[in-house]
């Protein structure tokens, strides 16, 4: 068990902390001198020194913290520079963002309200710093906390003395690195949190898919742009022309990534170590696609290819996706949540939070399983009464024109198994769906059900507009 917060503070040696601050300020002053001489550029030159300082602070206040330093492609796309999380529990301490250093002025944090609100919406703390001024934002802090390691204006020719006593600096960093507790959430709360992350991811995907591959900032971003454009072309040419819209395409991919991870989470939740769970979440998602011999998930294979690479292979969309994996690895579910989850209803709830207009426009309403069973039984009754034969005959064809997440397909499978329908007598069964995310989820489900219901391999689903 970690020591209590106040006890940990008491053990921090103020003289050692002061020495750490003095050393950092001297390095900042040296870089500023080089900048005045034209031998250094502003933000990039200060960033390594700030990184070193934050890493040393983390070693003092959170020895279990892992510091993820974002690559240039993500920083230039508006993502924070650092993510701090607990290496075993996967709990996120918060983000840190480096701002341009100005020796004359304190950071104007109000200019960055939009970015601040985006990251606070995830429930994490956010720290802005230029290496001298530090601002701490939190979901429940109200106005940000501020400390200044040295008092501005600063003159590079004079010594930069610490302006804030070490005992006053301690609470600031101790608050940022306060050990996060596992988050217990209801299904509705979990879905709402994931919808926020999917919205953020949508914006990042849009920022990439409109670019040409040669406009990528680095090799990782170029791979991500190429993969996204490949998926988009496949979807709009072979499946649905309306996905040529960057907006609709980005929404579809973000939903597939986020809700697909949620689906995997329910299968893998019993893994004891959160670090193992995070790793398996990604591997589970990609394995569903790469081992799909029937090419049901062909449109998303390019996405699976980059998901399986290094942690920065998604370019500018890595940061929100990685945070989503950490979040899912960290939440705790009750026993009732783990048993028999209704993915169809959960997706409908997710869509209400993510984009209620899409839900209305496309009629994305989950059919209760008992209603689906009744309708299947009623169809069987009518077929036998009127035509004198079962619908489960191999010379029939069963089509679900708006299959959504696959409720009817699953219930038809269960009914066929209950009636001991032989594979060779099982009628051709197809489900059409216009929305990419429900289509993908139905494919995940059918893929998973093959062991329990072998007839699942005979079902065909199409991503298409039934009315066209």
Protein backbone atom coordinates (compact mmCIF):
# COMPACT_ATOMS: atom_id res chain seq x y z
CA UNK A 1 0.00 0.00 0.00
CA UNK A 2 1.36 3.47 -0.83
CA UNK A 3 2.09 5.80 2.06
CA UNK A 4 -0.56 8.45 2.82
CA UNK A 5 -0.29 11.62 0.82
CA UNK A 6 0.68 13.86 3.78
CA UNK A 7 3.28 11.36 5.00
CA UNK A 8 4.86 11.25 1.57
CA UNK A 9 5.02 15.05 1.52
CA UNK A 10 6.67 15.09 4.93
CA UNK A 11 9.42 12.78 3.73
CA UNK A 12 10.38 15.04 0.85
CA UNK A 13 13.56 16.85 1.73
CA UNK A 14 12.95 20.56 1.19
CA UNK A 15 16.65 21.29 0.71
CA UNK A 16 16.90 18.61 -2.00
CA UNK A 17 13.79 20.02 -3.70
CA UNK A 18 15.26 23.52 -3.56
CA UNK A 19 18.50 22.21 -5.10
CA UNK A 20 16.49 20.56 -7.87
CA UNK A 21 14.68 23.84 -8.61
CA UNK A 22 17.91 25.86 -8.55
CA UNK A 23 19.57 23.42 -10.97
CA UNK A 24 16.57 23.60 -13.30
CA UNK A 25 16.48 27.41 -13.25
CA UNK A 26 20.18 27.59 -14.04
CA UNK A 27 19.65 25.33 -17.08
CA UNK A 28 16.69 27.43 -18.20
CA UNK A 29 18.81 30.60 -17.87
CA UNK A 30 21.63 29.00 -19.91
CA UNK A 31 19.22 28.16 -22.74
CA UNK A 32 17.81 31.68 -22.64
CA UNK A 33 21.34 33.07 -23.03
CA UNK A 34 21.88 30.85 -26.07
CA UNK A 35 18.55 32.02 -27.47
CA UNK A 36 19.55 35.68 -27.08
CA UNK A 37 22.76 34.90 -28.99
CA UNK A 38 20.78 33.23 -31.78
CA UNK A 39 22.14 29.78 -30.93
CA UNK A 40 18.84 28.18 -29.86
CA UNK A 41 15.17 28.27 -30.85
CA UNK A 42 12.52 28.89 -28.23
CA UNK A 43 10.16 26.03 -27.42
CA UNK A 44 12.16 23.05 -28.72
CA UNK A 45 15.29 24.12 -26.83
CA UNK A 46 13.54 24.48 -23.48
CA UNK A 47 11.49 21.31 -23.80
CA UNK A 48 14.27 18.76 -22.96
CA UNK A 49 15.13 20.71 -19.81
CA UNK A 50 11.47 20.87 -18.75
CA UNK A 51 11.16 17.15 -19.49
CA UNK A 52 14.15 16.37 -17.29
CA UNK A 53 12.75 18.50 -14.45
CA UNK A 54 9.29 16.90 -14.61
CA UNK A 55 10.84 13.44 -14.69
CA UNK A 56 12.86 14.18 -11.55
CA UNK A 57 9.78 15.61 -9.84
CA UNK A 58 7.85 12.47 -10.78
CA UNK A 59 10.59 10.29 -9.24
CA UNK A 60 10.09 12.17 -5.96
CA UNK A 61 6.30 12.29 -5.78
CA UNK A 62 5.29 9.24 -7.85
CA UNK A 63 8.06 6.64 -8.20
CA UNK A 64 5.62 4.34 -10.06
CA UNK A 65 4.85 6.99 -12.68
CA UNK A 66 5.60 6.32 -16.33
CA UNK A 67 6.22 9.42 -18.41
CA UNK A 68 5.04 9.24 -22.02
CA UNK A 69 6.65 11.97 -24.09
CA UNK A 70 4.61 12.73 -27.19
CA UNK A 71 6.41 12.92 -30.57
CA UNK A 72 6.48 16.16 -32.59
CA UNK A 73 3.58 15.11 -34.82
CA UNK A 74 1.23 14.98 -31.85
CA UNK A 75 2.47 18.15 -30.17
CA UNK A 76 2.00 20.08 -33.39
CA UNK A 77 -1.55 18.70 -33.73
CA UNK A 78 -2.53 20.24 -30.40
CA UNK A 79 -1.88 17.32 -28.02
CA UNK A 80 -0.12 17.83 -24.67
CA UNK A 81 3.58 17.08 -24.50
CA UNK A 82 3.53 14.54 -21.67
CA UNK A 83 1.18 11.94 -20.25
CA UNK A 84 1.86 10.56 -16.77
CA UNK A 85 0.33 7.26 -15.67
CA UNK A 86 0.92 4.64 -13.00
CA UNK A 87 2.92 1.83 -14.61
CA UNK A 88 1.08 -0.95 -12.76
CA UNK A 89 -2.50 0.27 -12.22
CA UNK A 90 -2.61 2.22 -15.53
CA UNK A 91 -4.29 5.09 -13.66
CA UNK A 92 -3.60 8.48 -15.27
CA UNK A 93 -2.12 11.22 -13.09
CA UNK A 94 -2.54 13.86 -15.77
CA UNK A 95 -1.14 15.67 -18.77
CA UNK A 96 1.53 18.37 -19.02
CA UNK A 97 1.86 20.90 -21.81
CA UNK A 98 4.92 23.03 -22.58
CA UNK A 99 4.20 26.60 -23.61
CA UNK A 100 6.61 29.04 -25.22
CA UNK A 101 8.93 30.66 -22.68
CA UNK A 102 8.66 34.43 -22.21
CA UNK A 103 11.05 35.90 -19.61
CA UNK A 104 8.85 38.99 -19.31
CA UNK A 105 5.34 37.59 -18.94
CA UNK A 106 3.42 34.88 -17.13
CA UNK A 107 1.61 32.33 -19.32
CA UNK A 108 -1.81 33.59 -20.41
CA UNK A 109 -3.66 30.35 -19.72
CA UNK A 110 -7.03 31.84 -20.77
CA UNK A 111 -5.86 31.74 -24.41
CA UNK A 112 -5.90 27.95 -24.19
CA UNK A 113 -9.40 27.43 -22.76
CA UNK A 114 -10.54 25.13 -25.59
CA UNK A 115 -7.58 22.79 -25.18
CA UNK A 116 -7.97 22.89 -21.40
CA UNK A 117 -11.66 22.00 -21.53
CA UNK A 118 -10.98 19.12 -23.92
CA UNK A 119 -8.60 17.39 -21.53
CA UNK A 120 -10.53 18.20 -18.36
CA UNK A 121 -13.55 16.51 -20.00
CA UNK A 122 -11.58 13.24 -19.77
CA UNK A 123 -11.46 13.60 -15.98
CA UNK A 124 -7.68 14.15 -15.76
CA UNK A 125 -5.53 16.96 -14.43
CA UNK A 126 -3.63 19.22 -16.84
CA UNK A 127 -0.49 21.25 -16.20
CA UNK A 128 0.74 24.15 -18.34
CA UNK A 129 4.34 25.29 -17.94
CA UNK A 130 6.99 27.32 -19.69
CA UNK A 131 9.62 25.94 -17.33
CA UNK A 132 9.25 28.77 -14.81
CA UNK A 133 5.51 29.26 -14.38
CA UNK A 134 3.33 26.24 -13.64
CA UNK A 135 -0.48 26.19 -13.81
CA UNK A 136 -2.49 23.20 -12.58
CA UNK A 137 -6.03 22.54 -13.82
CA UNK A 138 -8.35 19.87 -12.52
CA UNK A 139 -11.96 18.81 -13.16
CA UNK A 140 -12.94 20.08 -9.70
CA UNK A 141 -10.33 22.77 -9.02
CA UNK A 142 -12.15 25.81 -10.44
CA UNK A 143 -9.50 28.45 -11.14
CA UNK A 144 -6.06 26.92 -11.83
CA UNK A 145 -3.39 26.75 -9.15
CA UNK A 146 -0.23 28.70 -9.99
CA UNK A 147 3.36 28.60 -8.77
CA UNK A 148 6.36 30.51 -10.11
CA UNK A 149 9.79 28.95 -9.66
CA UNK A 150 11.31 32.39 -10.31
CA UNK A 151 9.81 35.86 -10.42
CA UNK A 152 9.45 37.49 -13.85
CA UNK A 153 10.73 39.56 -15.57
CA UNK A 154 13.95 37.59 -15.74
CA UNK A 155 17.36 38.79 -16.93
CA UNK A 156 19.64 36.13 -18.44
CA UNK A 157 22.69 38.06 -17.17
CA UNK A 158 21.62 37.70 -13.52
CA UNK A 159 21.08 34.64 -11.34
CA UNK A 160 17.53 33.25 -11.36
CA UNK A 161 16.65 32.70 -7.71
CA UNK A 162 13.73 30.53 -6.57
CA UNK A 163 10.72 32.73 -5.84
CA UNK A 164 8.52 30.11 -4.17
CA UNK A 165 9.74 28.29 -1.05
CA UNK A 166 10.13 24.53 -1.43
CA UNK A 167 7.46 23.86 1.21
CA UNK A 168 4.99 25.82 -0.99
CA UNK A 169 6.05 23.97 -4.16
CA UNK A 170 5.44 20.57 -2.56
CA UNK A 171 1.60 20.72 -2.45
CA UNK A 172 1.42 21.77 -6.09
CA UNK A 173 3.29 18.75 -7.48
CA UNK A 174 1.92 16.43 -4.83
CA UNK A 175 -1.62 17.31 -5.98
CA UNK A 176 -0.72 16.59 -9.60
CA UNK A 177 0.85 13.24 -8.73
CA UNK A 178 -1.77 12.18 -6.21
CA UNK A 179 -2.16 8.45 -6.77
CA UNK A 180 -5.35 7.79 -8.72
CA UNK A 181 -7.83 5.32 -7.26
CA UNK A 182 -9.48 2.68 -9.47
CA UNK A 183 -12.61 4.14 -11.01
CA UNK A 184 -15.90 2.32 -10.39
CA UNK A 185 -18.50 3.28 -12.98
CA UNK A 186 -22.01 2.34 -14.01
CA UNK A 187 -22.63 1.21 -17.58
CA UNK A 188 -24.23 4.55 -18.41
CA UNK A 189 -21.28 6.43 -16.87
CA UNK A 190 -18.78 4.25 -18.70
CA UNK A 191 -20.54 4.73 -22.03
CA UNK A 192 -20.76 8.50 -21.47
CA UNK A 193 -17.01 8.68 -20.73
CA UNK A 194 -16.24 6.67 -23.87
CA UNK A 195 -18.49 8.91 -25.98
CA UNK A 196 -16.42 11.94 -24.91
CA UNK A 197 -13.27 10.14 -25.99
CA UNK A 198 -14.83 9.11 -29.30
CA UNK A 199 -15.78 12.74 -30.02
CA UNK A 200 -12.20 13.88 -29.40
CA UNK A 201 -10.90 11.07 -31.57
CA UNK A 202 -13.28 12.08 -34.38
CA UNK A 203 -11.73 15.54 -34.53
CA UNK A 204 -8.21 14.10 -34.65
CA UNK A 205 -9.14 11.68 -37.43
CA UNK A 206 -10.67 14.54 -39.43
CA UNK A 207 -7.44 16.51 -39.04
CA UNK A 208 -5.51 13.63 -40.63
CA UNK A 209 -7.81 12.25 -43.30
CA UNK A 210 -7.97 15.58 -45.11
CA UNK A 211 -4.17 15.54 -45.54
CA UNK A 212 -2.12 13.93 -48.29
CA UNK A 213 0.51 11.38 -47.17
CA UNK A 214 3.31 13.77 -48.15
CA UNK A 215 1.90 16.30 -45.65
CA UNK A 216 2.58 14.03 -42.66
CA UNK A 217 4.90 15.56 -40.07
CA UNK A 218 6.83 12.31 -39.61
CA UNK A 219 6.86 8.68 -40.78
CA UNK A 220 4.30 7.58 -38.16
CA UNK A 221 1.83 10.24 -39.17
CA UNK A 222 2.36 9.45 -42.85
CA UNK A 223 1.50 5.78 -42.13
CA UNK A 224 -1.65 6.84 -40.29
CA UNK A 225 -2.75 9.18 -43.12
CA UNK A 226 -2.11 6.48 -45.72
CA UNK A 227 -4.07 3.87 -43.74
CA UNK A 228 -7.03 6.18 -43.12
CA UNK A 229 -7.21 7.25 -46.75
CA UNK A 230 -7.06 3.60 -47.82
CA UNK A 231 -9.95 2.68 -45.52
CA UNK A 232 -11.96 5.68 -46.69
CA UNK A 233 -11.48 4.83 -50.36
CA UNK A 234 -12.45 1.19 -49.78
CA UNK A 235 -15.57 2.11 -47.84
CA UNK A 236 -16.86 4.73 -50.25
CA UNK A 237 -16.13 2.75 -53.42
CA UNK A 238 -17.11 -0.76 -52.34
CA UNK A 239 -19.69 -0.13 -49.62
CA UNK A 240 -21.27 3.30 -49.15
CA UNK A 241 -20.59 6.41 -51.24
CA UNK A 242 -21.79 8.71 -48.43
CA UNK A 243 -18.64 7.80 -46.47
CA UNK A 244 -16.74 10.09 -48.83
CA UNK A 245 -17.66 12.78 -46.29
CA UNK A 246 -14.71 13.33 -43.95
CA UNK A 247 -17.14 14.05 -41.12
CA UNK A 248 -19.10 10.82 -41.48
CA UNK A 249 -16.02 8.72 -42.13
CA UNK A 250 -14.22 10.11 -39.06
CA UNK A 251 -17.24 9.44 -36.86
CA UNK A 252 -17.42 5.86 -38.11
CA UNK A 253 -13.74 5.09 -37.48
CA UNK A 254 -13.70 6.69 -34.01
CA UNK A 255 -16.76 4.68 -32.99
CA UNK A 256 -15.19 1.46 -34.26
CA UNK A 257 -11.97 2.13 -32.35
CA UNK A 258 -13.60 3.19 -29.08
CA UNK A 259 -16.62 0.90 -28.94
CA UNK A 260 -14.55 -1.97 -30.31
CA UNK A 261 -12.17 -1.45 -27.36
CA UNK A 262 -15.14 -1.40 -25.00
CA UNK A 263 -16.39 -4.69 -26.45
CA UNK A 264 -12.93 -6.23 -26.02
CA UNK A 265 -12.79 -4.90 -22.44
CA UNK A 266 -15.85 -6.95 -21.45
CA UNK A 267 -14.19 -10.10 -22.78
CA UNK A 268 -10.83 -9.45 -21.16
CA UNK A 269 -11.83 -7.74 -17.91
CA UNK A 270 -10.93 -10.71 -15.72
CA UNK A 271 -7.22 -10.24 -16.44
CA UNK A 272 -5.72 -9.45 -13.05
CA UNK A 273 -3.07 -6.92 -14.04
CA UNK A 274 -4.22 -3.64 -15.65
CA UNK A 275 -0.96 -3.48 -17.63
CA UNK A 276 -1.75 -6.88 -19.18
CA UNK A 277 -5.31 -5.75 -19.86
CA UNK A 278 -4.16 -2.65 -21.75
CA UNK A 279 -1.86 -4.73 -23.95
CA UNK A 280 -4.54 -7.34 -24.64
CA UNK A 281 -7.16 -4.73 -25.48
CA UNK A 282 -5.19 -3.70 -28.56
CA UNK A 283 -4.19 -7.25 -29.49
CA UNK A 284 -7.75 -8.55 -29.14
CA UNK A 285 -9.06 -5.87 -31.51
CA UNK A 286 -6.43 -6.45 -34.17
CA UNK A 287 -6.58 -10.24 -33.97
CA UNK A 288 -10.28 -10.19 -34.81
CA UNK A 289 -9.45 -8.54 -38.13
CA UNK A 290 -6.16 -10.16 -39.07
CA UNK A 291 -7.49 -13.70 -38.45
CA UNK A 292 -10.73 -13.04 -40.31
CA UNK A 293 -10.27 -15.48 -43.18
CA UNK A 294 -13.66 -14.60 -44.65
CA UNK A 295 -12.74 -10.91 -45.08
CA UNK A 296 -15.81 -9.69 -43.24
CA UNK A 297 -13.74 -6.91 -41.69
CA UNK A 298 -11.65 -6.23 -44.78
CA UNK A 299 -12.31 -2.44 -44.78
CA UNK A 300 -10.57 -2.10 -41.43
CA UNK A 301 -7.51 -4.22 -42.12
CA UNK A 302 -5.32 -1.20 -42.85
CA UNK A 303 -6.28 0.19 -39.45
CA UNK A 304 -5.40 -3.09 -37.75
CA UNK A 305 -2.00 -3.06 -39.45
CA UNK A 306 -0.99 0.24 -37.83
CA UNK A 307 -2.63 -0.61 -34.50
CA UNK A 308 -0.28 -3.56 -34.21
CA UNK A 309 2.85 -1.42 -34.56
CA UNK A 310 4.65 0.72 -31.98
CA UNK A 311 2.79 2.96 -29.53
CA UNK A 312 3.15 6.04 -31.74
CA UNK A 313 2.09 4.37 -35.00
CA UNK A 314 -1.25 6.16 -35.06
CA UNK A 315 0.38 9.55 -35.44
CA UNK A 316 -1.86 12.36 -34.22
CA UNK A 317 -4.64 9.99 -33.15
CA UNK A 318 -2.35 7.98 -30.88
CA UNK A 319 -2.77 10.21 -27.82
CA UNK A 320 -6.59 9.96 -27.47
CA UNK A 321 -6.58 6.26 -28.42
CA UNK A 322 -3.81 5.40 -25.94
CA UNK A 323 -5.62 7.33 -23.20
CA UNK A 324 -8.80 5.38 -23.98
CA UNK A 325 -6.90 2.11 -23.48
CA UNK A 326 -5.54 3.37 -20.15
CA UNK A 327 -9.03 4.42 -19.06
CA UNK A 328 -10.54 1.02 -19.84
CA UNK A 329 -7.65 -0.75 -18.12
CA UNK A 330 -8.31 1.28 -14.98
CA UNK A 331 -12.09 1.14 -14.52
CA UNK A 332 -13.63 -1.44 -12.22
CA UNK A 333 -16.84 -3.30 -13.04
CA UNK A 334 -19.36 -4.87 -10.71
CA UNK A 335 -20.21 -8.57 -11.02
CA UNK A 336 -23.58 -7.75 -12.60
CA UNK A 337 -21.85 -5.60 -15.24
CA UNK A 338 -19.55 -8.46 -16.19
CA UNK A 339 -22.33 -11.02 -16.61
CA UNK A 340 -24.33 -11.13 -19.85
CA UNK A 341 -23.80 -7.55 -21.06
CA UNK A 342 -26.30 -6.37 -23.68
CA UNK A 343 -23.95 -4.93 -26.31
CA UNK A 344 -26.82 -3.93 -28.55
CA UNK A 345 -28.44 -1.73 -25.90
CA UNK A 346 -25.05 -0.41 -24.77
CA UNK A 347 -24.25 0.70 -28.32
CA UNK A 348 -27.57 2.54 -28.54
CA UNK A 349 -26.79 4.30 -25.24
CA UNK A 350 -23.32 5.14 -26.53
CA UNK A 351 -24.72 6.62 -29.75
CA UNK A 352 -27.17 8.80 -27.81
CA UNK A 353 -24.18 10.35 -26.03
CA UNK A 354 -21.91 10.42 -29.06
CA UNK A 355 -24.26 11.74 -31.75
CA UNK A 356 -28.02 11.75 -31.02
CA UNK A 357 -28.74 13.13 -34.49
CA UNK A 358 -27.18 10.07 -36.17
CA UNK A 359 -29.25 7.85 -33.95
CA UNK A 360 -32.43 9.59 -35.14
CA UNK A 361 -31.42 9.95 -38.80
CA UNK A 362 -30.46 6.28 -39.14
CA UNK A 363 -33.05 4.83 -36.79
CA UNK A 364 -30.41 3.27 -34.54
CA UNK A 365 -32.70 1.82 -31.89
CA UNK A 366 -31.79 -1.49 -30.27
CA UNK A 367 -34.39 -4.23 -30.70
CA UNK A 368 -34.90 -6.08 -27.38
CA UNK A 369 -33.83 -9.71 -27.65
CA UNK A 370 -37.18 -11.01 -26.42
CA UNK A 371 -38.98 -9.01 -29.13
CA UNK A 372 -36.58 -10.39 -31.77
CA UNK A 373 -37.26 -13.93 -30.52
CA UNK A 374 -41.00 -13.32 -30.67
CA UNK A 375 -40.82 -12.03 -34.25
CA UNK A 376 -38.72 -15.00 -35.35
CA UNK A 377 -41.15 -17.40 -33.71
CA UNK A 378 -44.08 -15.56 -35.28
CA UNK A 379 -42.46 -15.75 -38.74
CA UNK A 380 -41.92 -19.48 -38.25
CA UNK A 381 -45.57 -19.91 -37.20
CA UNK A 382 -46.85 -17.97 -40.25
CA UNK A 383 -44.56 -19.89 -42.62
CA UNK A 384 -45.75 -23.27 -41.35
CA UNK A 385 -49.40 -22.19 -41.26
CA UNK A 386 -49.51 -20.56 -44.72
CA UNK A 387 -46.81 -22.40 -46.67
CA UNK A 388 -46.69 -25.64 -44.73
CA UNK A 389 -42.94 -25.46 -44.20
CA UNK A 390 -40.33 -24.01 -41.86
CA UNK A 391 -38.38 -20.85 -42.65
CA UNK A 392 -35.27 -22.84 -41.69
CA UNK A 393 -35.00 -24.60 -45.06
CA UNK A 394 -31.98 -24.38 -47.32
CA UNK A 395 -33.99 -23.20 -50.34
CA UNK A 396 -35.21 -20.12 -48.44
CA UNK A 397 -33.34 -16.85 -48.06
CA UNK A 398 -33.46 -14.76 -44.91
CA UNK A 399 -32.51 -11.10 -45.18
CA UNK A 400 -32.28 -8.58 -42.34
CA UNK A 401 -32.27 -5.23 -44.23
CA UNK A 402 -31.19 -3.11 -41.22
CA UNK A 403 -29.28 -5.50 -38.99
CA UNK A 404 -27.62 -2.88 -36.76
CA UNK A 405 -25.45 -4.58 -34.17
CA UNK A 406 -26.92 -7.98 -35.08
CA UNK A 407 -29.70 -8.71 -32.57
CA UNK A 408 -31.86 -10.57 -35.10
CA UNK A 409 -28.88 -12.43 -36.56
CA UNK A 410 -27.90 -13.70 -33.13
CA UNK A 411 -31.42 -14.74 -32.21
CA UNK A 412 -31.91 -16.56 -35.53
CA UNK A 413 -28.69 -18.46 -34.77
CA UNK A 414 -29.92 -19.45 -31.33
CA UNK A 415 -33.31 -20.52 -32.71
CA UNK A 416 -31.67 -22.63 -35.44
CA UNK A 417 -29.39 -24.32 -32.91
CA UNK A 418 -32.36 -24.99 -30.61
CA UNK A 419 -34.17 -26.66 -33.52
CA UNK A 420 -31.04 -28.71 -34.37
CA UNK A 421 -30.94 -27.31 -37.90
CA UNK A 422 -28.11 -28.98 -39.79
CA UNK A 423 -25.49 -26.77 -41.40
CA UNK A 424 -26.31 -28.11 -44.86
CA UNK A 425 -30.00 -27.25 -44.37
CA UNK A 426 -29.40 -23.81 -42.89
CA UNK A 427 -30.84 -21.18 -45.27
CA UNK A 428 -28.69 -18.37 -46.67
CA UNK A 429 -28.84 -15.57 -44.09
CA UNK A 430 -27.68 -12.01 -44.76
CA UNK A 431 -27.77 -8.80 -42.79
CA UNK A 432 -27.33 -5.34 -44.31
CA UNK A 433 -26.25 -2.28 -42.32
CA UNK A 434 -25.56 1.29 -43.42
CA UNK A 435 -23.60 2.44 -40.33
CA UNK A 436 -20.00 1.23 -40.17
CA UNK A 437 -19.73 0.97 -36.37
CA UNK A 438 -22.80 -1.27 -35.81
CA UNK A 439 -21.70 -3.33 -38.83
CA UNK A 440 -18.25 -3.86 -37.31
CA UNK A 441 -19.74 -4.75 -33.93
CA UNK A 442 -22.05 -7.32 -35.51
CA UNK A 443 -18.99 -8.86 -37.17
CA UNK A 444 -17.07 -8.97 -33.88
CA UNK A 445 -20.06 -10.68 -32.27
CA UNK A 446 -20.55 -13.25 -35.04
CA UNK A 447 -16.83 -14.00 -35.05
CA UNK A 448 -16.93 -14.62 -31.30
CA UNK A 449 -20.09 -16.73 -31.49
CA UNK A 450 -18.65 -19.24 -33.98
CA UNK A 451 -17.38 -21.57 -31.25
CA UNK A 452 -20.74 -21.63 -29.48
CA UNK A 453 -22.85 -21.53 -32.63
CA UNK A 454 -21.03 -23.06 -35.63
CA UNK A 455 -23.77 -21.83 -37.97
CA UNK A 456 -22.50 -18.29 -37.37
CA UNK A 457 -19.87 -18.88 -40.05
CA UNK A 458 -22.66 -19.16 -42.63
CA UNK A 459 -24.08 -15.69 -41.99
CA UNK A 460 -23.15 -12.88 -44.36
CA UNK A 461 -23.31 -9.22 -43.40
CA UNK A 462 -22.89 -6.34 -45.82
CA UNK A 463 -21.94 -2.75 -45.15
CA UNK A 464 -24.31 -1.06 -47.56
CA UNK A 465 -27.39 1.09 -48.06
CA UNK A 466 -30.26 -1.36 -48.49
CA UNK A 467 -32.41 1.28 -50.18
CA UNK A 468 -29.93 1.94 -52.99
